[in-house]
Amino acid sequence: MHKLEDYLPFWEKLNKEEQTLLKDNCKTVNYKKGSHVYSASEECLGVLVILKGSLRTYILSDEGREVTLYNLYENDVCVLSASCVLSQITFDVFVDAREDCSLLLISPAAFSSVMKTNVYAENFMLRITAERFSDTMWAMQQILFMGFDKRLAIYLLDEMNRKNTNVIKTTHGDIAKEIGSAREVVSRMLKSFAEDGVVSINRGAVEIINKKYLQNLVRNQ
């Protein structure tokens, strides 16, 4: 049984009425891998706490190119799905399930009400928003100023460390979405890595053979 208080660090700063309001307006929702969760053009969904799985937040160009801003993992809180709670959020973003997900969904009306009466809840939301902005700036810095081979190396190392395996189950198209590129570009670079003995390309998976090469690429370029 997942308890809301285990995921909100300001819980002890809430009074009984505020705690009850959040508990009474919280439910568990599930999404399959690849499912659409939220976009800014839709009705405000609410604050999401990730119990299991991961979410991808991205923007979409007029040409249909997806640029990943950041990913969220277990115990993270998604605030852009509650953009109506924070009036400062005015840009269009999309949120999809990277993996099968189990989430706690807190009603935007309930959370907004608590924010108006409790400075700790408000500060939490502002801090999380600032962290996500920092993540977004890092993503933009990678796209604008880093070579593609380094961006791909960072992605492969991050996924290897997160999943604790050197076999990353993904497609070239999914990698392209994650790092803001085209599938053909990803395929060419992976082929180059494979020719150098850095990775092995399999159907629906990439196996990292030479981790040190990728680490040196990230460190030295």
N, C-alpha and C. Protein backbone atom coordinates (compact mmCIF):
# COMPACT_ATOMS: atom_id res chain seq x y z
N MET A 1 0.84 -1.19 0.00
CA MET A 1 0.00 0.00 0.00
C MET A 1 0.88 1.25 0.00
N HIS A 2 0.75 2.05 -1.04
CA HIS A 2 1.56 3.26 -1.13
C HIS A 2 0.89 4.40 -0.36
N LYS A 3 1.67 5.05 0.48
CA LYS A 3 1.16 6.15 1.29
C LYS A 3 1.67 7.47 0.74
N LEU A 4 0.76 8.40 0.56
CA LEU A 4 1.11 9.70 -0.01
C LEU A 4 2.19 10.39 0.81
N GLU A 5 2.13 10.23 2.13
CA GLU A 5 3.08 10.91 3.00
C GLU A 5 4.52 10.45 2.78
N ASP A 6 4.70 9.28 2.19
CA ASP A 6 6.05 8.78 1.94
C ASP A 6 6.74 9.50 0.78
N TYR A 7 5.98 10.26 0.01
CA TYR A 7 6.53 10.87 -1.21
C TYR A 7 6.54 12.40 -1.17
N LEU A 8 5.90 12.98 -0.18
CA LEU A 8 5.85 14.45 -0.07
C LEU A 8 6.64 14.88 1.15
N PRO A 9 7.82 15.46 0.97
CA PRO A 9 8.69 15.80 2.10
C PRO A 9 8.11 16.85 3.05
N PHE A 10 7.10 17.58 2.60
CA PHE A 10 6.50 18.61 3.44
C PHE A 10 5.29 18.09 4.21
N TRP A 11 5.04 16.79 4.17
CA TRP A 11 3.81 16.22 4.74
C TRP A 11 3.62 16.60 6.21
N GLU A 12 4.68 16.53 7.00
CA GLU A 12 4.57 16.83 8.43
C GLU A 12 4.30 18.31 8.70
N LYS A 13 4.47 19.14 7.68
CA LYS A 13 4.20 20.57 7.82
C LYS A 13 2.74 20.91 7.49
N LEU A 14 1.98 19.91 7.08
CA LEU A 14 0.56 20.13 6.78
C LEU A 14 -0.28 19.91 8.03
N ASN A 15 -1.37 20.67 8.15
CA ASN A 15 -2.29 20.39 9.24
C ASN A 15 -3.20 19.22 8.86
N LYS A 16 -4.00 18.76 9.80
CA LYS A 16 -4.84 17.58 9.56
C LYS A 16 -5.81 17.79 8.41
N GLU A 17 -6.37 18.99 8.30
CA GLU A 17 -7.32 19.26 7.22
C GLU A 17 -6.64 19.19 5.85
N GLU A 18 -5.44 19.72 5.77
CA GLU A 18 -4.70 19.70 4.50
C GLU A 18 -4.30 18.27 4.13
N GLN A 19 -3.86 17.50 5.12
CA GLN A 19 -3.51 16.10 4.86
C GLN A 19 -4.72 15.31 4.37
N THR A 20 -5.85 15.52 5.02
CA THR A 20 -7.07 14.81 4.63
C THR A 20 -7.51 15.20 3.23
N LEU A 21 -7.39 16.47 2.90
CA LEU A 21 -7.78 16.94 1.57
C LEU A 21 -6.97 16.25 0.49
N LEU A 22 -5.66 16.16 0.68
CA LEU A 22 -4.81 15.51 -0.32
C LEU A 22 -5.09 14.01 -0.40
N LYS A 23 -5.25 13.36 0.76
CA LYS A 23 -5.53 11.92 0.76
C LYS A 23 -6.85 11.60 0.06
N ASP A 24 -7.86 12.43 0.30
CA ASP A 24 -9.18 12.19 -0.28
C ASP A 24 -9.23 12.48 -1.77
N ASN A 25 -8.23 13.18 -2.27
CA ASN A 25 -8.21 13.55 -3.69
C ASN A 25 -6.97 12.99 -4.39
N CYS A 26 -6.62 11.78 -4.00
CA CYS A 26 -5.46 11.09 -4.57
C CYS A 26 -5.87 9.68 -4.99
N LYS A 27 -5.40 9.25 -6.13
CA LYS A 27 -5.71 7.90 -6.60
C LYS A 27 -4.52 7.34 -7.38
N THR A 28 -4.51 6.03 -7.56
CA THR A 28 -3.46 5.37 -8.34
C THR A 28 -3.93 5.20 -9.77
N VAL A 29 -3.05 5.55 -10.72
CA VAL A 29 -3.35 5.38 -12.15
C VAL A 29 -2.20 4.61 -12.79
N ASN A 30 -2.51 3.88 -13.84
CA ASN A 30 -1.51 3.06 -14.52
C ASN A 30 -1.49 3.36 -16.01
N TYR A 31 -0.29 3.34 -16.58
CA TYR A 31 -0.11 3.58 -18.02
C TYR A 31 0.83 2.54 -18.58
N LYS A 32 0.52 2.05 -19.77
CA LYS A 32 1.39 1.12 -20.46
C LYS A 32 2.54 1.87 -21.14
N LYS A 33 3.63 1.17 -21.39
CA LYS A 33 4.77 1.77 -22.09
C LYS A 33 4.32 2.36 -23.42
N GLY A 34 4.73 3.61 -23.66
CA GLY A 34 4.38 4.29 -24.90
C GLY A 34 3.08 5.05 -24.85
N SER A 35 2.34 4.92 -23.75
CA SER A 35 1.06 5.61 -23.64
C SER A 35 1.25 7.11 -23.44
N HIS A 36 0.33 7.88 -24.00
CA HIS A 36 0.33 9.32 -23.78
C HIS A 36 -0.28 9.60 -22.41
N VAL A 37 0.38 10.44 -21.63
CA VAL A 37 -0.08 10.76 -20.28
C VAL A 37 -0.69 12.16 -20.22
N TYR A 38 -0.01 13.13 -20.82
CA TYR A 38 -0.48 14.52 -20.67
C TYR A 38 0.13 15.41 -21.74
N SER A 39 -0.61 16.44 -22.13
CA SER A 39 -0.07 17.54 -22.94
C SER A 39 -0.72 18.83 -22.46
N ALA A 40 -0.06 19.94 -22.71
CA ALA A 40 -0.53 21.23 -22.20
C ALA A 40 -1.85 21.66 -22.82
N SER A 41 -2.21 21.09 -23.97
CA SER A 41 -3.46 21.45 -24.63
C SER A 41 -4.66 20.75 -24.00
N GLU A 42 -4.41 19.81 -23.09
CA GLU A 42 -5.48 19.06 -22.45
C GLU A 42 -5.83 19.66 -21.10
N GLU A 43 -6.91 19.16 -20.54
CA GLU A 43 -7.33 19.60 -19.21
C GLU A 43 -6.25 19.26 -18.19
N CYS A 44 -6.02 20.16 -17.26
CA CYS A 44 -4.99 19.97 -16.24
C CYS A 44 -5.20 18.63 -15.53
N LEU A 45 -4.17 17.79 -15.53
CA LEU A 45 -4.29 16.43 -15.00
C LEU A 45 -4.13 16.38 -13.49
N GLY A 46 -3.06 16.99 -12.99
CA GLY A 46 -2.78 16.97 -11.56
C GLY A 46 -1.32 16.65 -11.31
N VAL A 47 -0.95 16.62 -10.05
CA VAL A 47 0.43 16.30 -9.66
C VAL A 47 0.61 14.79 -9.68
N LEU A 48 1.67 14.32 -10.34
CA LEU A 48 1.93 12.89 -10.47
C LEU A 48 3.17 12.50 -9.66
N VAL A 49 3.04 11.45 -8.87
CA VAL A 49 4.17 10.86 -8.15
C VAL A 49 4.43 9.49 -8.75
N ILE A 50 5.65 9.24 -9.17
CA ILE A 50 5.97 7.99 -9.85
C ILE A 50 6.27 6.89 -8.82
N LEU A 51 5.42 5.89 -8.80
CA LEU A 51 5.62 4.74 -7.93
C LEU A 51 6.48 3.69 -8.60
N LYS A 52 6.28 3.52 -9.89
CA LYS A 52 7.00 2.52 -10.66
C LYS A 52 7.07 2.96 -12.11
N GLY A 53 8.21 2.68 -12.78
CA GLY A 53 8.35 3.04 -14.18
C GLY A 53 9.02 4.38 -14.37
N SER A 54 8.83 4.98 -15.54
CA SER A 54 9.43 6.28 -15.84
C SER A 54 8.60 7.02 -16.87
N LEU A 55 8.70 8.34 -16.82
CA LEU A 55 7.98 9.23 -17.73
C LEU A 55 8.98 10.05 -18.53
N ARG A 56 8.59 10.39 -19.75
CA ARG A 56 9.42 11.26 -20.60
C ARG A 56 8.65 12.53 -20.88
N THR A 57 9.29 13.67 -20.64
CA THR A 57 8.71 14.98 -20.94
C THR A 57 9.42 15.56 -22.14
N TYR A 58 8.66 16.01 -23.14
CA TYR A 58 9.28 16.48 -24.37
C TYR A 58 8.45 17.58 -25.02
N ILE A 59 9.08 18.27 -25.97
CA ILE A 59 8.40 19.26 -26.79
C ILE A 59 8.37 18.73 -28.22
N LEU A 60 7.48 19.30 -29.02
CA LEU A 60 7.27 18.82 -30.38
C LEU A 60 7.35 20.00 -31.34
N SER A 61 8.21 19.88 -32.37
CA SER A 61 8.35 20.95 -33.36
C SER A 61 7.20 20.90 -34.35
N ASP A 62 7.08 21.96 -35.16
CA ASP A 62 6.04 22.00 -36.18
C ASP A 62 6.21 20.88 -37.20
N GLU A 63 7.46 20.42 -37.36
CA GLU A 63 7.74 19.34 -38.31
C GLU A 63 7.54 17.96 -37.70
N GLY A 64 7.17 17.92 -36.42
CA GLY A 64 6.93 16.64 -35.76
C GLY A 64 8.13 16.04 -35.06
N ARG A 65 9.22 16.79 -34.96
CA ARG A 65 10.41 16.29 -34.27
C ARG A 65 10.22 16.41 -32.76
N GLU A 66 10.51 15.33 -32.06
CA GLU A 66 10.40 15.32 -30.60
C GLU A 66 11.76 15.62 -29.97
N VAL A 67 11.75 16.51 -28.98
CA VAL A 67 12.97 16.83 -28.25
C VAL A 67 12.72 16.57 -26.77
N THR A 68 13.39 15.56 -26.24
CA THR A 68 13.22 15.21 -24.83
C THR A 68 13.85 16.27 -23.93
N LEU A 69 13.07 16.74 -22.97
CA LEU A 69 13.58 17.72 -22.01
C LEU A 69 14.19 17.03 -20.79
N TYR A 70 13.50 16.02 -20.29
CA TYR A 70 14.02 15.24 -19.17
C TYR A 70 13.14 14.01 -18.95
N ASN A 71 13.68 13.06 -18.21
CA ASN A 71 12.94 11.86 -17.82
C ASN A 71 12.74 11.86 -16.31
N LEU A 72 11.67 11.25 -15.86
CA LEU A 72 11.38 11.14 -14.44
C LEU A 72 11.28 9.67 -14.07
N TYR A 73 11.77 9.35 -12.86
CA TYR A 73 11.85 7.96 -12.44
C TYR A 73 11.16 7.76 -11.09
N GLU A 74 11.26 6.55 -10.57
CA GLU A 74 10.59 6.19 -9.33
C GLU A 74 10.87 7.20 -8.22
N ASN A 75 9.80 7.63 -7.54
CA ASN A 75 9.80 8.61 -6.44
C ASN A 75 9.87 10.06 -6.91
N ASP A 76 10.07 10.29 -8.21
CA ASP A 76 10.06 11.66 -8.72
C ASP A 76 8.62 12.19 -8.78
N VAL A 77 8.52 13.51 -8.82
CA VAL A 77 7.22 14.18 -8.90
C VAL A 77 7.14 14.96 -10.21
N CYS A 78 6.06 14.77 -10.94
CA CYS A 78 5.82 15.49 -12.19
C CYS A 78 4.90 16.66 -11.92
N VAL A 79 5.39 17.88 -12.16
CA VAL A 79 4.59 19.08 -11.91
C VAL A 79 4.01 19.67 -13.18
N LEU A 80 4.61 19.38 -14.34
CA LEU A 80 4.09 19.97 -15.57
C LEU A 80 2.72 19.40 -15.93
N SER A 81 2.38 18.24 -15.38
CA SER A 81 1.04 17.70 -15.57
C SER A 81 0.01 18.46 -14.76
N ALA A 82 0.48 19.36 -13.90
CA ALA A 82 -0.39 20.21 -13.10
C ALA A 82 -0.08 21.67 -13.39
N SER A 83 0.04 21.99 -14.67
CA SER A 83 0.44 23.35 -15.06
C SER A 83 -0.55 24.40 -14.58
N CYS A 84 -1.82 24.01 -14.38
CA CYS A 84 -2.81 24.98 -13.91
C CYS A 84 -2.55 25.39 -12.46
N VAL A 85 -1.78 24.59 -11.74
CA VAL A 85 -1.45 24.92 -10.35
C VAL A 85 -0.37 26.00 -10.30
N LEU A 86 0.52 26.00 -11.31
CA LEU A 86 1.59 26.99 -11.38
C LEU A 86 1.37 27.86 -12.61
N SER A 87 0.95 29.07 -12.40
CA SER A 87 0.62 29.96 -13.52
C SER A 87 1.84 30.33 -14.34
N GLN A 88 3.05 30.13 -13.79
CA GLN A 88 4.27 30.49 -14.52
C GLN A 88 4.54 29.54 -15.68
N ILE A 89 3.94 28.36 -15.69
CA ILE A 89 4.17 27.37 -16.74
C ILE A 89 3.22 27.65 -17.89
N THR A 90 3.78 28.13 -19.02
CA THR A 90 2.93 28.54 -20.14
C THR A 90 3.31 27.88 -21.46
N PHE A 91 4.33 27.02 -21.48
CA PHE A 91 4.76 26.43 -22.75
C PHE A 91 4.17 25.03 -22.91
N ASP A 92 4.07 24.61 -24.17
CA ASP A 92 3.46 23.32 -24.50
C ASP A 92 4.46 22.18 -24.33
N VAL A 93 4.12 21.24 -23.49
CA VAL A 93 4.95 20.05 -23.30
C VAL A 93 4.07 18.81 -23.38
N PHE A 94 4.72 17.68 -23.60
CA PHE A 94 4.02 16.41 -23.66
C PHE A 94 4.69 15.46 -22.67
N VAL A 95 3.89 14.59 -22.08
CA VAL A 95 4.41 13.59 -21.14
C VAL A 95 3.91 12.22 -21.59
N ASP A 96 4.86 11.29 -21.81
CA ASP A 96 4.53 9.92 -22.20
C ASP A 96 5.16 8.94 -21.21
N ALA A 97 4.64 7.73 -21.18
CA ALA A 97 5.21 6.67 -20.35
C ALA A 97 6.36 6.00 -21.10
N ARG A 98 7.57 6.07 -20.55
CA ARG A 98 8.73 5.39 -21.15
C ARG A 98 8.66 3.89 -20.91
N GLU A 99 8.06 3.53 -19.79
CA GLU A 99 7.92 2.13 -19.38
C GLU A 99 6.51 1.97 -18.80
N ASP A 100 6.10 0.75 -18.51
CA ASP A 100 4.85 0.56 -17.78
C ASP A 100 4.95 1.33 -16.47
N CYS A 101 3.93 2.14 -16.17
CA CYS A 101 4.00 3.04 -15.03
C CYS A 101 2.83 2.86 -14.06
N SER A 102 3.14 3.00 -12.79
CA SER A 102 2.13 3.13 -11.75
C SER A 102 2.38 4.47 -11.07
N LEU A 103 1.34 5.30 -11.01
CA LEU A 103 1.50 6.68 -10.53
C LEU A 103 0.45 7.02 -9.49
N LEU A 104 0.80 7.91 -8.59
CA LEU A 104 -0.18 8.54 -7.71
C LEU A 104 -0.58 9.86 -8.35
N LEU A 105 -1.87 10.06 -8.51
CA LEU A 105 -2.38 11.30 -9.11
C LEU A 105 -3.12 12.10 -8.05
N ILE A 106 -2.63 13.32 -7.80
CA ILE A 106 -3.25 14.23 -6.84
C ILE A 106 -4.04 15.27 -7.61
N SER A 107 -5.28 15.44 -7.27
CA SER A 107 -6.15 16.40 -7.94
C SER A 107 -5.53 17.79 -7.94
N PRO A 108 -5.55 18.49 -9.09
CA PRO A 108 -4.97 19.84 -9.14
C PRO A 108 -5.71 20.82 -8.23
N ALA A 109 -7.02 20.66 -8.11
CA ALA A 109 -7.79 21.57 -7.25
C ALA A 109 -7.37 21.41 -5.79
N ALA A 110 -7.19 20.16 -5.36
CA ALA A 110 -6.79 19.90 -3.98
C ALA A 110 -5.39 20.42 -3.71
N PHE A 111 -4.46 20.15 -4.62
CA PHE A 111 -3.08 20.60 -4.40
C PHE A 111 -3.00 22.12 -4.44
N SER A 112 -3.74 22.73 -5.34
CA SER A 112 -3.75 24.19 -5.43
C SER A 112 -4.28 24.80 -4.15
N SER A 113 -5.31 24.20 -3.58
CA SER A 113 -5.88 24.70 -2.34
C SER A 113 -4.87 24.63 -1.20
N VAL A 114 -4.13 23.53 -1.13
CA VAL A 114 -3.12 23.38 -0.08
C VAL A 114 -1.98 24.38 -0.28
N MET A 115 -1.59 24.60 -1.53
CA MET A 115 -0.52 25.56 -1.81
C MET A 115 -0.88 26.97 -1.36
N LYS A 116 -2.14 27.32 -1.44
CA LYS A 116 -2.58 28.66 -1.07
C LYS A 116 -2.53 28.89 0.43
N THR A 117 -2.59 27.81 1.20
CA THR A 117 -2.62 27.95 2.66
C THR A 117 -1.35 27.48 3.34
N ASN A 118 -0.48 26.79 2.60
CA ASN A 118 0.71 26.21 3.22
C ASN A 118 1.95 26.56 2.42
N VAL A 119 2.82 27.34 3.01
CA VAL A 119 4.01 27.82 2.31
C VAL A 119 4.98 26.68 2.00
N TYR A 120 4.96 25.63 2.81
CA TYR A 120 5.87 24.50 2.57
C TYR A 120 5.50 23.75 1.30
N ALA A 121 4.20 23.59 1.07
CA ALA A 121 3.74 22.95 -0.16
C ALA A 121 4.08 23.82 -1.37
N GLU A 122 3.90 25.12 -1.22
CA GLU A 122 4.22 26.04 -2.32
C GLU A 122 5.71 26.01 -2.63
N ASN A 123 6.53 26.05 -1.59
CA ASN A 123 7.98 26.03 -1.79
C ASN A 123 8.43 24.72 -2.45
N PHE A 124 7.79 23.62 -2.10
CA PHE A 124 8.11 22.34 -2.71
C PHE A 124 7.86 22.38 -4.21
N MET A 125 6.71 22.89 -4.60
CA MET A 125 6.37 22.96 -6.02
C MET A 125 7.33 23.88 -6.77
N LEU A 126 7.69 25.00 -6.17
CA LEU A 126 8.61 25.93 -6.82
C LEU A 126 10.01 25.32 -6.95
N ARG A 127 10.42 24.56 -5.93
CA ARG A 127 11.74 23.91 -5.99
C ARG A 127 11.77 22.85 -7.08
N ILE A 128 10.72 22.04 -7.16
CA ILE A 128 10.66 21.01 -8.19
C ILE A 128 10.64 21.64 -9.57
N THR A 129 9.89 22.73 -9.72
CA THR A 129 9.83 23.44 -11.01
C THR A 129 11.21 23.96 -11.40
N ALA A 130 11.96 24.51 -10.43
CA ALA A 130 13.31 25.01 -10.70
C ALA A 130 14.24 23.87 -11.11
N GLU A 131 14.10 22.72 -10.47
CA GLU A 131 14.92 21.56 -10.83
C GLU A 131 14.62 21.10 -12.26
N ARG A 132 13.35 21.09 -12.63
CA ARG A 132 12.98 20.67 -13.98
C ARG A 132 13.47 21.69 -15.02
N PHE A 133 13.47 22.96 -14.66
CA PHE A 133 14.00 23.97 -15.56
C PHE A 133 15.50 23.75 -15.77
N SER A 134 16.21 23.39 -14.71
CA SER A 134 17.63 23.09 -14.82
C SER A 134 17.86 21.88 -15.72
N ASP A 135 17.01 20.85 -15.58
CA ASP A 135 17.10 19.67 -16.45
C ASP A 135 16.88 20.06 -17.91
N THR A 136 15.92 20.95 -18.13
CA THR A 136 15.61 21.40 -19.49
C THR A 136 16.78 22.16 -20.10
N MET A 137 17.41 23.02 -19.32
CA MET A 137 18.56 23.78 -19.81
C MET A 137 19.72 22.84 -20.14
N TRP A 138 19.91 21.79 -19.36
CA TRP A 138 20.95 20.80 -19.63
C TRP A 138 20.66 20.10 -20.95
N ALA A 139 19.41 19.76 -21.19
CA ALA A 139 19.05 19.11 -22.45
C ALA A 139 19.32 20.03 -23.64
N MET A 140 18.98 21.31 -23.50
CA MET A 140 19.22 22.26 -24.58
C MET A 140 20.72 22.46 -24.82
N GLN A 141 21.49 22.49 -23.73
CA GLN A 141 22.94 22.63 -23.85
C GLN A 141 23.53 21.45 -24.62
N GLN A 142 23.06 20.25 -24.33
CA GLN A 142 23.54 19.07 -25.04
C GLN A 142 23.26 19.17 -26.54
N ILE A 143 22.02 19.54 -26.88
CA ILE A 143 21.62 19.60 -28.28
C ILE A 143 22.39 20.68 -29.04
N LEU A 144 22.58 21.83 -28.39
CA LEU A 144 23.19 22.98 -29.08
C LEU A 144 24.71 22.92 -29.14
N PHE A 145 25.34 22.38 -28.10
CA PHE A 145 26.79 22.53 -27.99
C PHE A 145 27.59 21.23 -27.95
N MET A 146 26.94 20.08 -27.81
CA MET A 146 27.68 18.82 -27.73
C MET A 146 27.65 18.08 -29.06
N GLY A 147 28.75 17.40 -29.36
CA GLY A 147 28.77 16.54 -30.53
C GLY A 147 27.80 15.39 -30.34
N PHE A 148 27.28 14.88 -31.46
CA PHE A 148 26.27 13.83 -31.35
C PHE A 148 26.82 12.56 -30.73
N ASP A 149 28.08 12.22 -31.03
CA ASP A 149 28.65 11.01 -30.45
C ASP A 149 28.70 11.09 -28.94
N LYS A 150 28.99 12.28 -28.40
CA LYS A 150 29.03 12.45 -26.95
C LYS A 150 27.63 12.34 -26.36
N ARG A 151 26.64 12.92 -27.03
CA ARG A 151 25.26 12.84 -26.54
C ARG A 151 24.78 11.39 -26.49
N LEU A 152 25.12 10.64 -27.53
CA LEU A 152 24.73 9.23 -27.56
C LEU A 152 25.45 8.44 -26.47
N ALA A 153 26.72 8.76 -26.25
CA ALA A 153 27.48 8.08 -25.20
C ALA A 153 26.88 8.35 -23.83
N ILE A 154 26.49 9.60 -23.57
CA ILE A 154 25.86 9.96 -22.30
C ILE A 154 24.58 9.17 -22.10
N TYR A 155 23.77 9.09 -23.15
CA TYR A 155 22.52 8.34 -23.06
C TYR A 155 22.78 6.87 -22.73
N LEU A 156 23.71 6.24 -23.45
CA LEU A 156 23.99 4.82 -23.23
C LEU A 156 24.51 4.55 -21.82
N LEU A 157 25.40 5.42 -21.33
CA LEU A 157 25.94 5.24 -19.98
C LEU A 157 24.87 5.45 -18.92
N ASP A 158 24.03 6.46 -19.11
CA ASP A 158 22.95 6.73 -18.16
C ASP A 158 21.99 5.54 -18.06
N GLU A 159 21.61 5.00 -19.21
CA GLU A 159 20.68 3.87 -19.22
C GLU A 159 21.33 2.62 -18.62
N MET A 160 22.60 2.41 -18.90
CA MET A 160 23.30 1.26 -18.35
C MET A 160 23.36 1.34 -16.83
N ASN A 161 23.67 2.52 -16.31
CA ASN A 161 23.77 2.70 -14.86
C ASN A 161 22.40 2.61 -14.19
N ARG A 162 21.39 3.16 -14.83
CA ARG A 162 20.05 3.16 -14.24
C ARG A 162 19.48 1.75 -14.17
N LYS A 163 19.68 0.98 -15.22
CA LYS A 163 19.11 -0.37 -15.28
C LYS A 163 20.07 -1.45 -14.79
N ASN A 164 21.31 -1.02 -14.48
CA ASN A 164 22.32 -1.94 -13.95
C ASN A 164 22.55 -3.13 -14.87
N THR A 165 22.63 -2.86 -16.16
CA THR A 165 22.92 -3.89 -17.15
C THR A 165 23.57 -3.24 -18.36
N ASN A 166 24.42 -4.01 -19.05
CA ASN A 166 25.07 -3.46 -20.24
C ASN A 166 24.27 -3.74 -21.51
N VAL A 167 23.11 -4.38 -21.35
CA VAL A 167 22.22 -4.62 -22.49
C VAL A 167 21.00 -3.70 -22.35
N ILE A 168 20.93 -2.71 -23.21
CA ILE A 168 19.85 -1.72 -23.16
C ILE A 168 18.78 -2.10 -24.17
N LYS A 169 17.62 -2.46 -23.68
CA LYS A 169 16.53 -2.87 -24.56
C LYS A 169 15.78 -1.63 -25.05
N THR A 170 16.04 -1.26 -26.29
CA THR A 170 15.43 -0.08 -26.88
C THR A 170 15.58 -0.15 -28.39
N THR A 171 14.92 0.74 -29.08
CA THR A 171 15.05 0.81 -30.54
C THR A 171 15.79 2.07 -30.94
N HIS A 172 16.27 2.11 -32.16
CA HIS A 172 16.97 3.30 -32.65
C HIS A 172 16.02 4.49 -32.66
N GLY A 173 14.75 4.24 -32.96
CA GLY A 173 13.76 5.31 -32.96
C GLY A 173 13.54 5.89 -31.59
N ASP A 174 13.49 5.03 -30.57
CA ASP A 174 13.30 5.50 -29.20
C ASP A 174 14.52 6.30 -28.73
N ILE A 175 15.71 5.85 -29.09
CA ILE A 175 16.92 6.60 -28.73
C ILE A 175 16.88 7.99 -29.37
N ALA A 176 16.46 8.05 -30.63
CA ALA A 176 16.38 9.33 -31.33
C ALA A 176 15.45 10.29 -30.61
N LYS A 177 14.32 9.79 -30.13
CA LYS A 177 13.40 10.63 -29.38
C LYS A 177 14.03 11.13 -28.08
N GLU A 178 14.77 10.24 -27.43
CA GLU A 178 15.36 10.59 -26.14
C GLU A 178 16.40 11.70 -26.26
N ILE A 179 17.18 11.68 -27.35
CA ILE A 179 18.29 12.64 -27.44
C ILE A 179 18.07 13.70 -28.52
N GLY A 180 16.85 13.78 -29.04
CA GLY A 180 16.50 14.86 -29.96
C GLY A 180 17.21 14.79 -31.29
N SER A 181 17.13 13.64 -31.95
CA SER A 181 17.78 13.48 -33.24
C SER A 181 16.88 12.67 -34.16
N ALA A 182 17.43 12.26 -35.30
CA ALA A 182 16.69 11.42 -36.25
C ALA A 182 17.15 9.98 -36.12
N ARG A 183 16.26 9.05 -36.40
CA ARG A 183 16.59 7.63 -36.27
C ARG A 183 17.78 7.26 -37.14
N GLU A 184 17.85 7.82 -38.35
CA GLU A 184 18.94 7.49 -39.26
C GLU A 184 20.29 7.92 -38.70
N VAL A 185 20.30 9.07 -38.02
CA VAL A 185 21.55 9.56 -37.42
C VAL A 185 21.99 8.63 -36.29
N VAL A 186 21.03 8.21 -35.47
CA VAL A 186 21.34 7.27 -34.39
C VAL A 186 21.89 5.97 -34.95
N SER A 187 21.26 5.46 -35.99
CA SER A 187 21.69 4.19 -36.59
C SER A 187 23.12 4.29 -37.12
N ARG A 188 23.45 5.41 -37.77
CA ARG A 188 24.80 5.58 -38.30
C ARG A 188 25.84 5.63 -37.20
N MET A 189 25.53 6.35 -36.12
CA MET A 189 26.50 6.46 -35.04
C MET A 189 26.65 5.14 -34.30
N LEU A 190 25.56 4.42 -34.10
CA LEU A 190 25.65 3.11 -33.46
C LEU A 190 26.46 2.14 -34.32
N LYS A 191 26.28 2.24 -35.63
CA LYS A 191 27.06 1.39 -36.55
C LYS A 191 28.54 1.72 -36.43
N SER A 192 28.85 3.02 -36.31
CA SER A 192 30.25 3.43 -36.14
C SER A 192 30.81 2.90 -34.83
N PHE A 193 30.02 3.01 -33.75
CA PHE A 193 30.44 2.46 -32.46
C PHE A 193 30.67 0.95 -32.56
N ALA A 194 29.78 0.27 -33.28
CA ALA A 194 29.89 -1.18 -33.43
C ALA A 194 31.16 -1.56 -34.18
N GLU A 195 31.48 -0.80 -35.22
CA GLU A 195 32.69 -1.08 -36.01
C GLU A 195 33.95 -0.88 -35.17
N ASP A 196 33.87 0.01 -34.18
CA ASP A 196 35.01 0.26 -33.29
C ASP A 196 35.02 -0.70 -32.10
N GLY A 197 34.05 -1.60 -32.04
CA GLY A 197 34.00 -2.57 -30.95
C GLY A 197 33.47 -2.02 -29.65
N VAL A 198 32.75 -0.90 -29.71
CA VAL A 198 32.23 -0.25 -28.50
C VAL A 198 30.89 -0.86 -28.09
N VAL A 199 30.05 -1.16 -29.07
CA VAL A 199 28.73 -1.73 -28.80
C VAL A 199 28.47 -2.89 -29.77
N SER A 200 27.48 -3.66 -29.43
CA SER A 200 26.96 -4.69 -30.33
C SER A 200 25.48 -4.38 -30.55
N ILE A 201 25.08 -4.31 -31.82
CA ILE A 201 23.70 -3.96 -32.14
C ILE A 201 22.89 -5.23 -32.39
N ASN A 202 21.84 -5.38 -31.61
CA ASN A 202 20.95 -6.52 -31.75
C ASN A 202 19.53 -6.02 -32.00
N ARG A 203 18.65 -6.90 -32.37
CA ARG A 203 17.27 -6.51 -32.63
C ARG A 203 16.61 -6.05 -31.32
N GLY A 204 16.23 -4.78 -31.27
CA GLY A 204 15.57 -4.24 -30.10
C GLY A 204 16.47 -4.05 -28.90
N ALA A 205 17.78 -4.04 -29.11
CA ALA A 205 18.69 -3.88 -27.98
C ALA A 205 20.06 -3.42 -28.46
N VAL A 206 20.76 -2.73 -27.55
CA VAL A 206 22.15 -2.33 -27.78
C VAL A 206 22.97 -2.83 -26.60
N GLU A 207 24.00 -3.61 -26.88
CA GLU A 207 24.87 -4.13 -25.82
C GLU A 207 26.15 -3.32 -25.77
N ILE A 208 26.46 -2.78 -24.60
CA ILE A 208 27.68 -2.00 -24.42
C ILE A 208 28.83 -2.95 -24.12
N ILE A 209 29.84 -2.92 -24.98
CA ILE A 209 30.99 -3.81 -24.85
C ILE A 209 32.18 -3.08 -24.23
N ASN A 210 32.38 -1.82 -24.62
CA ASN A 210 33.53 -1.05 -24.15
C ASN A 210 33.03 0.19 -23.42
N LYS A 211 32.73 0.01 -22.15
CA LYS A 211 32.23 1.11 -21.32
C LYS A 211 33.28 2.22 -21.19
N LYS A 212 34.54 1.83 -21.06
CA LYS A 212 35.60 2.81 -20.86
C LYS A 212 35.70 3.77 -22.05
N TYR A 213 35.50 3.25 -23.25
CA TYR A 213 35.55 4.10 -24.45
C TYR A 213 34.49 5.20 -24.35
N LEU A 214 33.28 4.82 -23.97
CA LEU A 214 32.20 5.80 -23.85
C LEU A 214 32.50 6.81 -22.75
N GLN A 215 33.03 6.34 -21.64
CA GLN A 215 33.37 7.24 -20.54
C GLN A 215 34.44 8.24 -20.96
N ASN A 216 35.45 7.78 -21.68
CA ASN A 216 36.50 8.68 -22.16
C ASN A 216 35.95 9.68 -23.17
N LEU A 217 35.02 9.24 -24.00
CA LEU A 217 34.41 10.13 -24.98
C LEU A 217 33.66 11.25 -24.28
N VAL A 218 32.92 10.91 -23.25
CA VAL A 218 32.16 11.92 -22.49
C VAL A 218 33.11 12.86 -21.75
N ARG A 219 34.18 12.30 -21.21
CA ARG A 219 35.09 13.07 -20.37
C ARG A 219 36.01 13.99 -21.16
N ASN A 220 36.43 13.56 -22.34
CA ASN A 220 37.51 14.25 -23.03
C ASN A 220 37.08 15.15 -24.18
N GLN A 221 35.89 14.92 -24.72
CA GLN A 221 35.54 15.71 -25.92
C GLN A 221 35.27 17.16 -25.57
